[in-house]
Amino acid sequence: MKRVIAITILTLLTLALCGCGKAEASNQRLWVLDASPRYYEIYVDNLTGVQYLRTYKGGVCVMVDAEGRPLIWEEEK
């Protein structure tokens, strides 16, 4: 009987955690626009459209254009 209860609780906990992860992912403020598995990731802020570069050696910075203004991601039409 103890095994059945333990398996039931473990199954319900696993299902609950899987469901929460999917719901939270759609509400995240930053999402990955581009990535290179060994070198970098480019993130976009959902509210501002500003692009950020993160390297795997450490560090995050705002990506800028030739004039020094932040790069703004514009959705493809």
PDB file of N, CA and C in Angstrom:
ATOM      1  N   MET A   1       0.823  -1.199   0.000  1.00  0.00           N
ATOM      2  CA  MET A   1       0.000   0.000   0.000  1.00  0.00           C
ATOM      3  C   MET A   1       0.870   1.267   0.000  1.00  0.00           C
ATOM      4  N   LYS A   2       1.977   1.230   0.759  1.00  0.00           N
ATOM      5  CA  LYS A   2       2.857   2.391   0.813  1.00  0.00           C
ATOM      6  C   LYS A   2       3.472   2.681  -0.551  1.00  0.00           C
ATOM      7  N   ARG A   3       3.810   1.626  -1.284  1.00  0.00           N
ATOM      8  CA  ARG A   3       4.377   1.808  -2.617  1.00  0.00           C
ATOM      9  C   ARG A   3       3.383   2.474  -3.558  1.00  0.00           C
ATOM     10  N   VAL A   4       2.148   2.062  -3.510  1.00  0.00           N
ATOM     11  CA  VAL A   4       1.113   2.631  -4.378  1.00  0.00           C
ATOM     12  C   VAL A   4       0.939   4.120  -4.081  1.00  0.00           C
ATOM     13  N   ILE A   5       0.901   4.476  -2.820  1.00  0.00           N
ATOM     14  CA  ILE A   5       0.754   5.884  -2.430  1.00  0.00           C
ATOM     15  C   ILE A   5       1.977   6.684  -2.876  1.00  0.00           C
ATOM     16  N   ALA A   6       3.174   6.141  -2.669  1.00  0.00           N
ATOM     17  CA  ALA A   6       4.397   6.840  -3.064  1.00  0.00           C
ATOM     18  C   ALA A   6       4.454   7.047  -4.572  1.00  0.00           C
ATOM     19  N   ILE A   7       4.097   6.031  -5.343  1.00  0.00           N
ATOM     20  CA  ILE A   7       4.096   6.148  -6.807  1.00  0.00           C
ATOM     21  C   ILE A   7       3.052   7.160  -7.264  1.00  0.00           C
ATOM     22  N   THR A   8       1.892   7.159  -6.650  1.00  0.00           N
ATOM     23  CA  THR A   8       0.835   8.109  -7.001  1.00  0.00           C
ATOM     24  C   THR A   8       1.275   9.542  -6.725  1.00  0.00           C
ATOM     25  N   ILE A   9       1.854   9.769  -5.564  1.00  0.00           N
ATOM     26  CA  ILE A   9       2.323  11.114  -5.213  1.00  0.00           C
ATOM     27  C   ILE A   9       3.428  11.557  -6.165  1.00  0.00           C
ATOM     28  N   LEU A  10       4.372  10.682  -6.457  1.00  0.00           N
ATOM     29  CA  LEU A  10       5.462  11.007  -7.372  1.00  0.00           C
ATOM     30  C   LEU A  10       4.938  11.325  -8.771  1.00  0.00           C
ATOM     31  N   THR A  11       3.972  10.562  -9.246  1.00  0.00           N
ATOM     32  CA  THR A  11       3.375  10.803 -10.564  1.00  0.00           C
ATOM     33  C   THR A  11       2.656  12.143 -10.601  1.00  0.00           C
ATOM     34  N   LEU A  12       1.858  12.445  -9.588  1.00  0.00           N
ATOM     35  CA  LEU A  12       1.142  13.726  -9.542  1.00  0.00           C
ATOM     36  C   LEU A  12       2.093  14.906  -9.448  1.00  0.00           C
ATOM     37  N   LEU A  13       3.148  14.766  -8.670  1.00  0.00           N
ATOM     38  CA  LEU A  13       4.141  15.830  -8.547  1.00  0.00           C
ATOM     39  C   LEU A  13       4.853  16.070  -9.884  1.00  0.00           C
ATOM     40  N   THR A  14       5.216  15.001 -10.573  1.00  0.00           N
ATOM     41  CA  THR A  14       5.871  15.112 -11.875  1.00  0.00           C
ATOM     42  C   THR A  14       4.964  15.796 -12.889  1.00  0.00           C
ATOM     43  N   LEU A  15       3.705  15.400 -12.940  1.00  0.00           N
ATOM     44  CA  LEU A  15       2.757  16.016 -13.876  1.00  0.00           C
ATOM     45  C   LEU A  15       2.522  17.486 -13.551  1.00  0.00           C
ATOM     46  N   ALA A  16       2.462  17.807 -12.275  1.00  0.00           N
ATOM     47  CA  ALA A  16       2.249  19.198 -11.872  1.00  0.00           C
ATOM     48  C   ALA A  16       3.434  20.073 -12.261  1.00  0.00           C
ATOM     49  N   LEU A  17       4.645  19.586 -12.064  1.00  0.00           N
ATOM     50  CA  LEU A  17       5.832  20.363 -12.410  1.00  0.00           C
ATOM     51  C   LEU A  17       5.986  20.529 -13.919  1.00  0.00           C
ATOM     52  N   CYS A  18       5.649  19.533 -14.683  1.00  0.00           N
ATOM     53  CA  CYS A  18       5.739  19.637 -16.141  1.00  0.00           C
ATOM     54  C   CYS A  18       4.752  20.678 -16.661  1.00  0.00           C
ATOM     55  N   GLY A  19       3.564  20.710 -16.136  1.00  0.00           N
ATOM     56  CA  GLY A  19       2.556  21.679 -16.553  1.00  0.00           C
ATOM     57  C   GLY A  19       2.957  23.099 -16.205  1.00  0.00           C
ATOM     58  N   CYS A  20       3.582  23.314 -15.053  1.00  0.00           N
ATOM     59  CA  CYS A  20       3.987  24.655 -14.632  1.00  0.00           C
ATOM     60  C   CYS A  20       5.092  25.203 -15.509  1.00  0.00           C
ATOM     61  N   GLY A  21       6.018  24.368 -15.904  1.00  0.00           N
ATOM     62  CA  GLY A  21       7.120  24.816 -16.737  1.00  0.00           C
ATOM     63  C   GLY A  21       6.633  25.347 -18.077  1.00  0.00           C
ATOM     64  N   LYS A  22       5.660  24.703 -18.687  1.00  0.00           N
ATOM     65  CA  LYS A  22       5.144  25.153 -19.969  1.00  0.00           C
ATOM     66  C   LYS A  22       4.386  26.464 -19.829  1.00  0.00           C
ATOM     67  N   ALA A  23       3.630  26.620 -18.759  1.00  0.00           N
ATOM     68  CA  ALA A  23       2.853  27.847 -18.571  1.00  0.00           C
ATOM     69  C   ALA A  23       3.771  29.038 -18.324  1.00  0.00           C
ATOM     70  N   GLU A  24       4.829  28.855 -17.554  1.00  0.00           N
ATOM     71  CA  GLU A  24       5.736  29.949 -17.251  1.00  0.00           C
ATOM     72  C   GLU A  24       6.562  30.352 -18.460  1.00  0.00           C
ATOM     73  N   ALA A  25       6.896  29.408 -19.328  1.00  0.00           N
ATOM     74  CA  ALA A  25       7.750  29.713 -20.469  1.00  0.00           C
ATOM     75  C   ALA A  25       7.105  30.737 -21.396  1.00  0.00           C
ATOM     76  N   SER A  26       5.779  30.712 -21.538  1.00  0.00           N
ATOM     77  CA  SER A  26       5.112  31.648 -22.435  1.00  0.00           C
ATOM     78  C   SER A  26       5.036  33.057 -21.846  1.00  0.00           C
ATOM     79  N   ASN A  27       5.251  33.203 -20.535  1.00  0.00           N
ATOM     80  CA  ASN A  27       5.166  34.504 -19.885  1.00  0.00           C
ATOM     81  C   ASN A  27       6.533  35.108 -19.594  1.00  0.00           C
ATOM     82  N   GLN A  28       7.587  34.526 -20.111  1.00  0.00           N
ATOM     83  CA  GLN A  28       8.915  35.032 -19.824  1.00  0.00           C
ATOM     84  C   GLN A  28       9.158  36.350 -20.549  1.00  0.00           C
ATOM     85  N   ARG A  29       9.877  37.232 -19.909  1.00  0.00           N
ATOM     86  CA  ARG A  29      10.156  38.539 -20.496  1.00  0.00           C
ATOM     87  C   ARG A  29      11.230  38.457 -21.576  1.00  0.00           C
ATOM     88  N   LEU A  30      12.236  37.623 -21.388  1.00  0.00           N
ATOM     89  CA  LEU A  30      13.293  37.459 -22.375  1.00  0.00           C
ATOM     90  C   LEU A  30      13.140  36.130 -23.100  1.00  0.00           C
ATOM     91  N   TRP A  31      13.401  36.128 -24.394  1.00  0.00           N
ATOM     92  CA  TRP A  31      13.391  34.878 -25.147  1.00  0.00           C
ATOM     93  C   TRP A  31      14.596  34.863 -26.081  1.00  0.00           C
ATOM     94  N   VAL A  32      15.021  33.665 -26.465  1.00  0.00           N
ATOM     95  CA  VAL A  32      16.225  33.493 -27.266  1.00  0.00           C
ATOM     96  C   VAL A  32      15.898  33.712 -28.742  1.00  0.00           C
ATOM     97  N   LEU A  33      16.582  34.681 -29.352  1.00  0.00           N
ATOM     98  CA  LEU A  33      16.421  34.970 -30.773  1.00  0.00           C
ATOM     99  C   LEU A  33      17.368  34.114 -31.609  1.00  0.00           C
ATOM    100  N   ASP A  34      18.609  33.955 -31.134  1.00  0.00           N
ATOM    101  CA  ASP A  34      19.621  33.195 -31.863  1.00  0.00           C
ATOM    102  C   ASP A  34      20.611  32.631 -30.853  1.00  0.00           C
ATOM    103  N   ALA A  35      21.249  31.526 -31.210  1.00  0.00           N
ATOM    104  CA  ALA A  35      22.218  30.928 -30.294  1.00  0.00           C
ATOM    105  C   ALA A  35      23.225  30.092 -31.068  1.00  0.00           C
ATOM    106  N   SER A  36      24.429  30.062 -30.557  1.00  0.00           N
ATOM    107  CA  SER A  36      25.475  29.168 -31.023  1.00  0.00           C
ATOM    108  C   SER A  36      25.798  28.287 -29.832  1.00  0.00           C
ATOM    109  N   PRO A  37      25.663  26.984 -29.958  1.00  0.00           N
ATOM    110  CA  PRO A  37      25.773  26.102 -28.787  1.00  0.00           C
ATOM    111  C   PRO A  37      27.032  26.282 -27.942  1.00  0.00           C
ATOM    112  N   ARG A  38      28.128  26.734 -28.517  1.00  0.00           N
ATOM    113  CA  ARG A  38      29.363  26.822 -27.735  1.00  0.00           C
ATOM    114  C   ARG A  38      29.805  28.249 -27.446  1.00  0.00           C
ATOM    115  N   TYR A  39      29.140  29.261 -28.028  1.00  0.00           N
ATOM    116  CA  TYR A  39      29.698  30.604 -27.931  1.00  0.00           C
ATOM    117  C   TYR A  39      28.770  31.675 -27.357  1.00  0.00           C
ATOM    118  N   TYR A  40      27.536  31.778 -27.835  1.00  0.00           N
ATOM    119  CA  TYR A  40      26.700  32.916 -27.442  1.00  0.00           C
ATOM    120  C   TYR A  40      25.210  32.598 -27.530  1.00  0.00           C
ATOM    121  N   GLU A  41      24.398  33.494 -26.948  1.00  0.00           N
ATOM    122  CA  GLU A  41      22.947  33.518 -27.108  1.00  0.00           C
ATOM    123  C   GLU A  41      22.537  34.972 -27.256  1.00  0.00           C
ATOM    124  N   ILE A  42      21.576  35.243 -28.135  1.00  0.00           N
ATOM    125  CA  ILE A  42      21.027  36.592 -28.276  1.00  0.00           C
ATOM    126  C   ILE A  42      19.598  36.537 -27.754  1.00  0.00           C
ATOM    127  N   TYR A  43      19.322  37.387 -26.765  1.00  0.00           N
ATOM    128  CA  TYR A  43      18.001  37.459 -26.154  1.00  0.00           C
ATOM    129  C   TYR A  43      17.287  38.721 -26.625  1.00  0.00           C
ATOM    130  N   VAL A  44      15.949  38.670 -26.640  1.00  0.00           N
ATOM    131  CA  VAL A  44      15.123  39.835 -26.956  1.00  0.00           C
ATOM    132  C   VAL A  44      14.178  40.078 -25.791  1.00  0.00           C
ATOM    133  N   ASP A  45      14.065  41.324 -25.361  1.00  0.00           N
ATOM    134  CA  ASP A  45      13.139  41.724 -24.312  1.00  0.00           C
ATOM    135  C   ASP A  45      11.749  41.879 -24.937  1.00  0.00           C
ATOM    136  N   ASN A  46      10.761  41.169 -24.406  1.00  0.00           N
ATOM    137  CA  ASN A  46       9.393  41.217 -24.947  1.00  0.00           C
ATOM    138  C   ASN A  46       8.779  42.611 -24.896  1.00  0.00           C
ATOM    139  N   LEU A  47       9.092  43.394 -23.887  1.00  0.00           N
ATOM    140  CA  LEU A  47       8.463  44.703 -23.724  1.00  0.00           C
ATOM    141  C   LEU A  47       9.118  45.785 -24.576  1.00  0.00           C
ATOM    142  N   THR A  48      10.441  45.780 -24.668  1.00  0.00           N
ATOM    143  CA  THR A  48      11.146  46.859 -25.358  1.00  0.00           C
ATOM    144  C   THR A  48      11.676  46.479 -26.726  1.00  0.00           C
ATOM    145  N   GLY A  49      11.884  45.184 -26.985  1.00  0.00           N
ATOM    146  CA  GLY A  49      12.468  44.734 -28.237  1.00  0.00           C
ATOM    147  C   GLY A  49      13.982  44.843 -28.271  1.00  0.00           C
ATOM    148  N   VAL A  50      14.600  45.294 -27.175  1.00  0.00           N
ATOM    149  CA  VAL A  50      16.050  45.451 -27.108  1.00  0.00           C
ATOM    150  C   VAL A  50      16.716  44.069 -27.118  1.00  0.00           C
ATOM    151  N   GLN A  51      17.822  43.964 -27.869  1.00  0.00           N
ATOM    152  CA  GLN A  51      18.562  42.713 -27.980  1.00  0.00           C
ATOM    153  C   GLN A  51      19.756  42.717 -27.035  1.00  0.00           C
ATOM    154  N   TYR A  52      19.992  41.567 -26.390  1.00  0.00           N
ATOM    155  CA  TYR A  52      21.104  41.401 -25.458  1.00  0.00           C
ATOM    156  C   TYR A  52      21.938  40.206 -25.900  1.00  0.00           C
ATOM    157  N   LEU A  53      23.254  40.322 -25.763  1.00  0.00           N
ATOM    158  CA  LEU A  53      24.177  39.243 -26.099  1.00  0.00           C
ATOM    159  C   LEU A  53      24.742  38.662 -24.818  1.00  0.00           C
ATOM    160  N   ARG A  54      24.686  37.327 -24.692  1.00  0.00           N
ATOM    161  CA  ARG A  54      25.285  36.626 -23.550  1.00  0.00           C
ATOM    162  C   ARG A  54      26.291  35.637 -24.100  1.00  0.00           C
ATOM    163  N   THR A  55      27.512  35.695 -23.599  1.00  0.00           N
ATOM    164  CA  THR A  55      28.537  34.744 -24.016  1.00  0.00           C
ATOM    165  C   THR A  55      28.689  33.666 -22.960  1.00  0.00           C
ATOM    166  N   TYR A  56      29.154  32.502 -23.392  1.00  0.00           N
ATOM    167  CA  TYR A  56      29.317  31.398 -22.460  1.00  0.00           C
ATOM    168  C   TYR A  56      30.569  31.539 -21.606  1.00  0.00           C
ATOM    169  N   LYS A  57      31.451  32.447 -21.956  1.00  0.00           N
ATOM    170  CA  LYS A  57      32.624  32.708 -21.116  1.00  0.00           C
ATOM    171  C   LYS A  57      32.281  33.674 -19.995  1.00  0.00           C
ATOM    172  N   GLY A  58      31.069  34.219 -20.025  1.00  0.00           N
ATOM    173  CA  GLY A  58      30.615  35.120 -18.982  1.00  0.00           C
ATOM    174  C   GLY A  58      30.374  36.513 -19.517  1.00  0.00           C
ATOM    175  N   GLY A  59      29.285  37.107 -19.123  1.00  0.00           N
ATOM    176  CA  GLY A  59      29.004  38.470 -19.516  1.00  0.00           C
ATOM    177  C   GLY A  59      27.736  38.607 -20.330  1.00  0.00           C
ATOM    178  N   VAL A  60      27.050  39.722 -20.098  1.00  0.00           N
ATOM    179  CA  VAL A  60      25.846  40.084 -20.845  1.00  0.00           C
ATOM    180  C   VAL A  60      25.982  41.555 -21.206  1.00  0.00           C
ATOM    181  N   CYS A  61      25.621  41.908 -22.450  1.00  0.00           N
ATOM    182  CA  CYS A  61      25.675  43.310 -22.849  1.00  0.00           C
ATOM    183  C   CYS A  61      24.548  43.618 -23.826  1.00  0.00           C
ATOM    184  N   VAL A  62      24.202  44.886 -23.909  1.00  0.00           N
ATOM    185  CA  VAL A  62      23.202  45.355 -24.858  1.00  0.00           C
ATOM    186  C   VAL A  62      23.873  45.423 -26.228  1.00  0.00           C
ATOM    187  N   MET A  63      23.204  44.917 -27.245  1.00  0.00           N
ATOM    188  CA  MET A  63      23.738  45.027 -28.606  1.00  0.00           C
ATOM    189  C   MET A  63      23.372  46.407 -29.150  1.00  0.00           C
ATOM    190  N   VAL A  64      24.315  47.062 -29.819  1.00  0.00           N
ATOM    191  CA  VAL A  64      24.093  48.410 -30.325  1.00  0.00           C
ATOM    192  C   VAL A  64      24.374  48.481 -31.820  1.00  0.00           C
ATOM    193  N   ASP A  65      23.793  49.512 -32.475  1.00  0.00           N
ATOM    194  CA  ASP A  65      24.049  49.735 -33.894  1.00  0.00           C
ATOM    195  C   ASP A  65      25.290  50.613 -34.067  1.00  0.00           C
ATOM    196  N   ALA A  66      25.562  51.061 -35.301  1.00  0.00           N
ATOM    197  CA  ALA A  66      26.772  51.845 -35.584  1.00  0.00           C
ATOM    198  C   ALA A  66      26.791  53.174 -34.841  1.00  0.00           C
ATOM    199  N   GLU A  67      25.613  53.737 -34.537  1.00  0.00           N
ATOM    200  CA  GLU A  67      25.543  55.020 -33.820  1.00  0.00           C
ATOM    201  C   GLU A  67      25.555  54.847 -32.304  1.00  0.00           C
ATOM    202  N   GLY A  68      25.575  53.619 -31.821  1.00  0.00           N
ATOM    203  CA  GLY A  68      25.595  53.379 -30.379  1.00  0.00           C
ATOM    204  C   GLY A  68      24.219  53.245 -29.753  1.00  0.00           C
ATOM    205  N   ARG A  69      23.174  53.226 -30.557  1.00  0.00           N
ATOM    206  CA  ARG A  69      21.810  53.040 -30.031  1.00  0.00           C
ATOM    207  C   ARG A  69      21.518  51.549 -29.890  1.00  0.00           C
ATOM    208  N   PRO A  70      20.707  51.164 -28.910  1.00  0.00           N
ATOM    209  CA  PRO A  70      20.376  49.743 -28.732  1.00  0.00           C
ATOM    210  C   PRO A  70      19.691  49.174 -29.976  1.00  0.00           C
ATOM    211  N   LEU A  71      20.066  47.942 -30.323  1.00  0.00           N
ATOM    212  CA  LEU A  71      19.403  47.252 -31.426  1.00  0.00           C
ATOM    213  C   LEU A  71      17.999  46.850 -30.988  1.00  0.00           C
ATOM    214  N   ILE A  72      17.021  47.184 -31.790  1.00  0.00           N
ATOM    215  CA  ILE A  72      15.628  46.837 -31.500  1.00  0.00           C
ATOM    216  C   ILE A  72      15.192  45.779 -32.497  1.00  0.00           C
ATOM    217  N   TRP A  73      14.685  44.661 -31.986  1.00  0.00           N
ATOM    218  CA  TRP A  73      14.212  43.590 -32.850  1.00  0.00           C
ATOM    219  C   TRP A  73      12.844  43.954 -33.387  1.00  0.00           C
ATOM    220  N   GLU A  74      12.696  43.858 -34.685  1.00  0.00           N
ATOM    221  CA  GLU A  74      11.403  44.100 -35.337  1.00  0.00           C
ATOM    222  C   GLU A  74      10.935  42.793 -35.921  1.00  0.00           C
ATOM    223  N   GLU A  75       9.720  42.406 -35.559  1.00  0.00           N
ATOM    224  CA  GLU A  75       9.173  41.136 -36.030  1.00  0.00           C
ATOM    225  C   GLU A  75       9.134  41.072 -37.537  1.00  0.00           C
ATOM    226  N   GLU A  76       9.409  39.880 -38.067  1.00  0.00           N
ATOM    227  CA  GLU A  76       9.300  39.702 -39.497  1.00  0.00           C
ATOM    228  C   GLU A  76       7.830  39.745 -39.893  1.00  0.00           C
ATOM    229  N   LYS A  77       7.548  40.412 -41.011  1.00  0.00           N
ATOM    230  CA  LYS A  77       6.152  40.546 -41.454  1.00  0.00           C
ATOM    231  C   LYS A  77       5.808  39.476 -42.458  1.00  0.00           C
TER     232      LYS A  77
END
